[in-house]
Protein backbone atom coordinates (compact mmCIF):
# COMPACT_ATOMS: atom_id res chain seq x y z
CA UNK A 1 2.99 -11.23 -25.81
CA UNK A 2 0.73 -13.06 -27.88
CA UNK A 3 -1.77 -12.26 -28.84
CA UNK A 4 -1.85 -9.05 -26.90
CA UNK A 5 0.45 -5.49 -26.65
CA UNK A 6 2.56 -4.58 -23.52
CA UNK A 7 2.71 -0.91 -23.09
CA UNK A 8 5.67 0.93 -21.33
CA UNK A 9 5.41 4.60 -20.74
CA UNK A 10 8.71 5.49 -19.48
CA UNK A 11 6.98 9.04 -18.77
CA UNK A 12 4.39 7.74 -16.23
CA UNK A 13 6.51 5.29 -15.22
CA UNK A 14 4.01 2.58 -15.79
CA UNK A 15 3.71 -1.11 -17.59
CA UNK A 16 0.38 -2.44 -18.94
CA UNK A 17 0.94 -6.06 -19.94
CA UNK A 18 -1.66 -7.64 -21.90
CA UNK A 19 -2.93 -10.37 -19.74
CA UNK A 20 -4.79 -8.04 -17.24
CA UNK A 21 -6.53 -4.63 -17.56
CA UNK A 22 -4.73 -3.60 -14.61
CA UNK A 23 -1.47 -0.77 -14.96
CA UNK A 24 1.52 -1.69 -13.36
CA UNK A 25 4.25 0.87 -11.73
CA UNK A 26 7.77 0.59 -13.08
CA UNK A 27 10.28 0.64 -9.90
CA UNK A 28 13.30 0.24 -11.83
CA UNK A 29 15.13 0.57 -15.01
CA UNK A 30 18.70 -0.49 -15.73
CA UNK A 31 19.84 -1.58 -19.22
CA UNK A 32 18.68 -4.61 -19.17
CA UNK A 33 15.86 -4.93 -16.90
CA UNK A 34 12.87 -3.18 -16.14
CA UNK A 35 11.48 -3.98 -12.84
CA UNK A 36 7.50 -3.49 -12.13
CA UNK A 37 4.87 -3.89 -9.52
CA UNK A 38 1.36 -3.59 -8.55
CA UNK A 39 -0.32 -3.48 -4.95
CA UNK A 40 -3.87 -3.03 -3.74
CA UNK A 41 -6.28 -4.78 -1.23
CA UNK A 42 -6.65 -7.85 -3.13
CA UNK A 43 -3.91 -8.23 -5.64
CA UNK A 44 0.32 -8.30 -4.54
CA UNK A 45 2.15 -8.52 -8.63
CA UNK A 46 5.25 -7.65 -9.30
CA UNK A 47 8.07 -9.09 -12.21
CA UNK A 48 10.60 -8.11 -14.05
CA UNK A 49 10.98 -7.59 -17.79
CA UNK A 50 14.36 -8.56 -19.93
CA UNK A 51 14.99 -5.88 -22.24
CA UNK A 52 17.30 -8.19 -24.42
CA UNK A 53 15.74 -11.48 -24.49
CA UNK A 54 12.26 -10.12 -23.58
CA UNK A 55 11.17 -12.36 -21.34
CA UNK A 56 8.84 -11.34 -18.42
CA UNK A 57 8.81 -13.24 -15.22
CA UNK A 58 6.13 -12.17 -12.71
CA UNK A 59 4.16 -13.31 -9.63
CA UNK A 60 0.62 -12.64 -8.44
CA UNK A 61 -0.85 -13.39 -4.86
CA UNK A 62 -4.32 -12.88 -4.78
CA UNK A 63 -6.03 -11.98 -1.31
CA UNK A 64 -10.23 -12.99 -1.19
CA UNK A 65 -11.92 -13.02 1.84
CA UNK A 66 -12.00 -16.39 3.96
CA UNK A 67 -9.72 -17.95 1.26
CA UNK A 68 -5.91 -18.64 1.84
CA UNK A 69 -3.86 -16.20 -0.61
CA UNK A 70 -3.32 -17.70 -4.18
CA UNK A 71 -0.01 -17.23 -5.67
CA UNK A 72 1.02 -18.07 -9.14
CA UNK A 73 4.19 -17.35 -11.24
CA UNK A 74 3.83 -16.92 -14.54
CA UNK A 75 6.99 -16.68 -17.45
CA UNK A 76 6.58 -15.25 -20.86
CA UNK A 77 8.26 -13.67 -24.09
CA UNK A 78 7.64 -10.24 -25.44
CA UNK A 79 8.87 -9.57 -28.96
CA UNK A 80 11.44 -6.60 -28.17
CA UNK A 81 10.73 -4.03 -29.68
CA UNK A 82 13.41 -2.05 -32.84
CA UNK A 83 15.48 0.95 -31.55
CA UNK A 84 14.46 3.70 -33.17
CA UNK A 85 17.65 5.14 -34.19
C-alpha cells in the first residue's frame, strides 16, 4: 500500500500493515485470502487481504473512556508479491 509496505510473516502468523505501527494476528490462510485481527482494551480491528488482487479491507473500532465507540471501514490495494518460483 503506497507509500508503505505490508509484511506477512507466515512463520509467526503475523501481519504488519503500513497504516499502523501494530502487528495483527493471522487467523486464516486460504489460497486466495488471508484474514487478520487485533484486539486489545482500546482497539478491535479485523480484515482480509486478497492474495490475488491485493485488495485489503479492514474495520477498526476504537474505545476511549467516556466516549462512544468509533468504527471505521478502510479499503486499500497492495501490490501482490511476485512468486519466488
